[in-house]
Amino acid sequence: MLSNMNLQERLQRFPELCKNSGMKVTHQRTAVFKMLAGTKSHPTPEDVYSAIRQDMPSISLATVYKILDLFYHKGFLRKISTEGQVARYDANTMPHDHLVCNSCGTIRDLESSPSNETKVVIPVMNDFEVSHYDVVFYGTCNSCSGKGNRAKVLPA
């Protein structure tokens, strides 16, 4: 969708994206979108709130949560939920997987991932239709382990 564009292009397309989704363009929505589109991190709602509150002191944390939920349901961003952690958001809506550090909680995108190279078998069931799936790899980042990059083969 928009993840291959630079920030300026993404911001210019935002009003059109809203219109096509039946949403009004507001200052609050624009600020949230700008913050998310301008980062490769996977911020929490509190992170988004802290970042935009500097320029928009009247915005509330509840408003940020509502906007993030709306954007998620409209397909503007992805929600990454990990065990015991608050949800994080990713403006990169292109298919990709995630690496999550068990120690510090950092989430990184995995662009060239095994799921893109391996066939994923999706069960065919009469009473269930798969709309999407997410692959999340858990482990320890180099900063927490103190080790360099190494390929690791996991048992099947």
C-alpha atoms as a PDB file:
ATOM      1  CA  MET A   1       0.000   0.000   0.000  1.00  0.00           C
ATOM      2  CA  LEU A   2       1.878   3.094   1.204  1.00  0.00           C
ATOM      3  CA  SER A   3       4.952   1.531   2.776  1.00  0.00           C
ATOM      4  CA  ASN A   4       7.161   1.772  -0.331  1.00  0.00           C
ATOM      5  CA  MET A   5       6.666   5.555  -0.567  1.00  0.00           C
ATOM      6  CA  ASN A   6       8.768   8.151   1.165  1.00  0.00           C
ATOM      7  CA  LEU A   7       7.273  10.131   4.038  1.00  0.00           C
ATOM      8  CA  GLN A   8       6.330  13.162   1.943  1.00  0.00           C
ATOM      9  CA  GLU A   9       4.499  11.009  -0.629  1.00  0.00           C
ATOM     10  CA  ARG A  10       2.673   9.148   2.134  1.00  0.00           C
ATOM     11  CA  LEU A  11       1.550  12.390   3.778  1.00  0.00           C
ATOM     12  CA  GLN A  12       0.372  13.789   0.437  1.00  0.00           C
ATOM     13  CA  ARG A  13      -1.724  10.652  -0.170  1.00  0.00           C
ATOM     14  CA  PHE A  14      -3.220  10.639   3.342  1.00  0.00           C
ATOM     15  CA  PRO A  15      -6.283  12.834   2.523  1.00  0.00           C
ATOM     16  CA  GLU A  16      -7.100  10.639  -0.485  1.00  0.00           C
ATOM     17  CA  LEU A  17      -6.686   7.508   1.635  1.00  0.00           C
ATOM     18  CA  CYS A  18      -9.070   8.914   4.242  1.00  0.00           C
ATOM     19  CA  LYS A  19     -11.617   9.919   1.626  1.00  0.00           C
ATOM     20  CA  ASN A  20     -11.511   6.467   0.006  1.00  0.00           C
ATOM     21  CA  SER A  21     -12.061   4.933   3.450  1.00  0.00           C
ATOM     22  CA  GLY A  22     -14.978   7.216   4.306  1.00  0.00           C
ATOM     23  CA  MET A  23     -13.060   9.126   6.986  1.00  0.00           C
ATOM     24  CA  LYS A  24     -12.677  12.824   7.619  1.00  0.00           C
ATOM     25  CA  VAL A  25      -9.172  14.260   7.684  1.00  0.00           C
ATOM     26  CA  THR A  26      -8.574  15.811  11.103  1.00  0.00           C
ATOM     27  CA  HIS A  27      -5.491  17.395  12.661  1.00  0.00           C
ATOM     28  CA  GLN A  28      -5.337  14.581  15.218  1.00  0.00           C
ATOM     29  CA  ARG A  29      -5.539  11.822  12.595  1.00  0.00           C
ATOM     30  CA  THR A  30      -2.957  13.564  10.440  1.00  0.00           C
ATOM     31  CA  ALA A  31      -0.569  13.898  13.402  1.00  0.00           C
ATOM     32  CA  VAL A  32      -0.930  10.208  14.333  1.00  0.00           C
ATOM     33  CA  PHE A  33      -0.461   9.120  10.712  1.00  0.00           C
ATOM     34  CA  LYS A  34       2.579  11.380  10.284  1.00  0.00           C
ATOM     35  CA  MET A  35       4.223   9.993  13.419  1.00  0.00           C
ATOM     36  CA  LEU A  36       3.629   6.371  12.383  1.00  0.00           C
ATOM     37  CA  ALA A  37       4.598   6.898   8.741  1.00  0.00           C
ATOM     38  CA  GLY A  38       7.834   8.553   9.818  1.00  0.00           C
ATOM     39  CA  THR A  39       9.163   5.740  11.983  1.00  0.00           C
ATOM     40  CA  LYS A  40      10.402   2.213  11.447  1.00  0.00           C
ATOM     41  CA  SER A  41       9.944   1.453  15.115  1.00  0.00           C
ATOM     42  CA  HIS A  42       6.793  -0.212  16.340  1.00  0.00           C
ATOM     43  CA  PRO A  43       5.422   2.330  18.809  1.00  0.00           C
ATOM     44  CA  THR A  44       2.883   1.724  21.544  1.00  0.00           C
ATOM     45  CA  PRO A  45      -0.112   4.047  21.832  1.00  0.00           C
ATOM     46  CA  GLU A  46       1.724   5.793  24.668  1.00  0.00           C
ATOM     47  CA  ASP A  47       4.768   6.314  22.411  1.00  0.00           C
ATOM     48  CA  VAL A  48       2.553   7.862  19.725  1.00  0.00           C
ATOM     49  CA  TYR A  49       0.837  10.049  22.322  1.00  0.00           C
ATOM     50  CA  SER A  50       4.148  11.273  23.764  1.00  0.00           C
ATOM     51  CA  ALA A  51       5.538  12.072  20.321  1.00  0.00           C
ATOM     52  CA  ILE A  52       2.574  14.090  19.059  1.00  0.00           C
ATOM     53  CA  ARG A  53       1.610  15.713  22.349  1.00  0.00           C
ATOM     54  CA  GLN A  54       4.606  18.032  22.044  1.00  0.00           C
ATOM     55  CA  ASP A  55       3.021  19.719  19.002  1.00  0.00           C
ATOM     56  CA  MET A  56      -0.589  19.043  19.982  1.00  0.00           C
ATOM     57  CA  PRO A  57      -0.942  19.389  23.774  1.00  0.00           C
ATOM     58  CA  SER A  58      -4.750  19.190  23.638  1.00  0.00           C
ATOM     59  CA  ILE A  59      -4.823  15.611  22.306  1.00  0.00           C
ATOM     60  CA  SER A  60      -5.739  12.907  24.802  1.00  0.00           C
ATOM     61  CA  LEU A  61      -4.389   9.390  25.130  1.00  0.00           C
ATOM     62  CA  ALA A  62      -7.950   8.087  24.592  1.00  0.00           C
ATOM     63  CA  THR A  63      -8.088   9.911  21.241  1.00  0.00           C
ATOM     64  CA  VAL A  64      -4.795   8.333  20.187  1.00  0.00           C
ATOM     65  CA  TYR A  65      -6.137   4.867  21.088  1.00  0.00           C
ATOM     66  CA  LYS A  66      -9.323   5.515  19.074  1.00  0.00           C
ATOM     67  CA  ILE A  67      -7.381   6.731  16.034  1.00  0.00           C
ATOM     68  CA  LEU A  68      -5.001   3.768  16.148  1.00  0.00           C
ATOM     69  CA  ASP A  69      -7.943   1.383  16.381  1.00  0.00           C
ATOM     70  CA  LEU A  70      -9.668   3.114  13.456  1.00  0.00           C
ATOM     71  CA  PHE A  71      -6.493   3.057  11.340  1.00  0.00           C
ATOM     72  CA  TYR A  72      -6.001  -0.628  12.159  1.00  0.00           C
ATOM     73  CA  HIS A  73      -9.543  -1.531  11.112  1.00  0.00           C
ATOM     74  CA  LYS A  74      -9.233   0.529   7.907  1.00  0.00           C
ATOM     75  CA  GLY A  75      -5.974  -1.258   7.012  1.00  0.00           C
ATOM     76  CA  PHE A  76      -3.707   1.796   7.384  1.00  0.00           C
ATOM     77  CA  LEU A  77      -1.439  -0.062   9.793  1.00  0.00           C
ATOM     78  CA  ARG A  78      -0.763  -3.402  11.409  1.00  0.00           C
ATOM     79  CA  LYS A  79      -1.139  -4.237  15.075  1.00  0.00           C
ATOM     80  CA  ILE A  80       1.508  -6.421  16.677  1.00  0.00           C
ATOM     81  CA  SER A  81       0.389  -8.072  19.893  1.00  0.00           C
ATOM     82  CA  THR A  82       2.917 -10.064  21.857  1.00  0.00           C
ATOM     83  CA  GLU A  83       2.550 -12.017  25.081  1.00  0.00           C
ATOM     84  CA  GLY A  84       2.284  -9.812  28.139  1.00  0.00           C
ATOM     85  CA  GLN A  85       3.010  -6.608  26.215  1.00  0.00           C
ATOM     86  CA  VAL A  86       0.860  -3.693  25.124  1.00  0.00           C
ATOM     87  CA  ALA A  87      -0.018  -3.693  21.412  1.00  0.00           C
ATOM     88  CA  ARG A  88       2.402  -1.979  19.067  1.00  0.00           C
ATOM     89  CA  TYR A  89       1.662  -0.532  15.646  1.00  0.00           C
ATOM     90  CA  ASP A  90       3.422  -0.803  12.308  1.00  0.00           C
ATOM     91  CA  ALA A  91       2.736   1.557   9.391  1.00  0.00           C
ATOM     92  CA  ASN A  92       4.400  -0.915   7.027  1.00  0.00           C
ATOM     93  CA  THR A  93       1.372  -2.781   5.695  1.00  0.00           C
ATOM     94  CA  MET A  94       3.329  -4.793   3.119  1.00  0.00           C
ATOM     95  CA  PRO A  95       3.667  -8.507   3.929  1.00  0.00           C
ATOM     96  CA  HIS A  96       6.574  -9.064   6.277  1.00  0.00           C
ATOM     97  CA  ASP A  97       7.329 -10.849   9.525  1.00  0.00           C
ATOM     98  CA  HIS A  98       8.637  -9.618  12.868  1.00  0.00           C
ATOM     99  CA  LEU A  99      11.477 -10.382  15.257  1.00  0.00           C
ATOM    100  CA  VAL A 100      10.677  -9.812  18.950  1.00  0.00           C
ATOM    101  CA  CYS A 101      13.361  -9.726  21.635  1.00  0.00           C
ATOM    102  CA  ASN A 102      12.279 -11.640  24.740  1.00  0.00           C
ATOM    103  CA  SER A 103      14.580  -9.504  26.912  1.00  0.00           C
ATOM    104  CA  CYS A 104      13.974  -5.874  25.917  1.00  0.00           C
ATOM    105  CA  GLY A 105      10.768  -6.214  23.876  1.00  0.00           C
ATOM    106  CA  THR A 106      12.209  -4.594  20.747  1.00  0.00           C
ATOM    107  CA  ILE A 107      10.282  -5.438  17.579  1.00  0.00           C
ATOM    108  CA  ARG A 108      12.014  -5.372  14.201  1.00  0.00           C
ATOM    109  CA  ASP A 109      10.742  -5.989  10.696  1.00  0.00           C
ATOM    110  CA  LEU A 110      12.035  -9.045   8.903  1.00  0.00           C
ATOM    111  CA  GLU A 111      11.808  -8.161   5.225  1.00  0.00           C
ATOM    112  CA  SER A 112      13.408 -11.259   3.728  1.00  0.00           C
ATOM    113  CA  SER A 113      11.721 -13.848   5.852  1.00  0.00           C
ATOM    114  CA  PRO A 114      11.388 -17.610   5.769  1.00  0.00           C
ATOM    115  CA  SER A 115       7.605 -17.324   5.398  1.00  0.00           C
ATOM    116  CA  ASN A 116       8.127 -15.473   2.102  1.00  0.00           C
ATOM    117  CA  GLU A 117      10.425 -18.243   0.864  1.00  0.00           C
ATOM    118  CA  THR A 118       8.522 -21.222   2.222  1.00  0.00           C
ATOM    119  CA  LYS A 119       5.029 -22.296   1.366  1.00  0.00           C
ATOM    120  CA  VAL A 120       2.675 -21.772   4.247  1.00  0.00           C
ATOM    121  CA  VAL A 121      -0.004 -24.426   4.354  1.00  0.00           C
ATOM    122  CA  ILE A 122      -3.324 -22.857   5.211  1.00  0.00           C
ATOM    123  CA  PRO A 123      -5.900 -25.441   6.226  1.00  0.00           C
ATOM    124  CA  VAL A 124      -9.086 -25.553   4.195  1.00  0.00           C
ATOM    125  CA  MET A 125     -12.038 -25.702   6.529  1.00  0.00           C
ATOM    126  CA  ASN A 126     -15.700 -25.456   5.684  1.00  0.00           C
ATOM    127  CA  ASP A 127     -16.461 -23.255   8.655  1.00  0.00           C
ATOM    128  CA  PHE A 128     -13.461 -20.903   8.609  1.00  0.00           C
ATOM    129  CA  GLU A 129     -11.995 -18.508   6.058  1.00  0.00           C
ATOM    130  CA  VAL A 130      -8.453 -17.229   6.649  1.00  0.00           C
ATOM    131  CA  SER A 131      -8.208 -13.488   5.957  1.00  0.00           C
ATOM    132  CA  HIS A 132      -4.564 -13.013   6.970  1.00  0.00           C
ATOM    133  CA  TYR A 133      -1.853 -14.341   9.228  1.00  0.00           C
ATOM    134  CA  ASP A 134       1.207 -13.006  11.028  1.00  0.00           C
ATOM    135  CA  VAL A 135       4.520 -14.678  11.699  1.00  0.00           C
ATOM    136  CA  VAL A 136       6.476 -13.527  14.745  1.00  0.00           C
ATOM    137  CA  PHE A 137       9.884 -14.916  15.678  1.00  0.00           C
ATOM    138  CA  TYR A 138      10.883 -14.631  19.345  1.00  0.00           C
ATOM    139  CA  GLY A 139      14.457 -14.640  20.571  1.00  0.00           C
ATOM    140  CA  THR A 140      17.161 -12.350  21.897  1.00  0.00           C
ATOM    141  CA  CYS A 141      18.499  -9.336  20.017  1.00  0.00           C
ATOM    142  CA  ASN A 142      22.238  -8.726  19.617  1.00  0.00           C
ATOM    143  CA  SER A 143      22.158  -5.837  22.094  1.00  0.00           C
ATOM    144  CA  CYS A 144      20.766  -8.069  24.838  1.00  0.00           C
ATOM    145  CA  SER A 145      22.829 -11.159  24.028  1.00  0.00           C
ATOM    146  CA  GLY A 146      26.074  -9.302  23.311  1.00  0.00           C
ATOM    147  CA  LYS A 147      26.589 -11.447  20.216  1.00  0.00           C
ATOM    148  CA  GLY A 148      27.011 -10.636  16.532  1.00  0.00           C
ATOM    149  CA  ASN A 149      24.720 -11.725  13.718  1.00  0.00           C
ATOM    150  CA  ARG A 150      24.562 -15.484  13.299  1.00  0.00           C
ATOM    151  CA  ALA A 151      22.185 -17.658  11.335  1.00  0.00           C
ATOM    152  CA  LYS A 152      20.424 -20.180  13.508  1.00  0.00           C
ATOM    153  CA  VAL A 153      18.625 -23.274  12.293  1.00  0.00           C
ATOM    154  CA  LEU A 154      15.662 -24.217  14.444  1.00  0.00           C
ATOM    155  CA  PRO A 155      14.452 -27.821  14.694  1.00  0.00           C
ATOM    156  CA  ALA A 156      11.300 -28.487  12.684  1.00  0.00           C
END
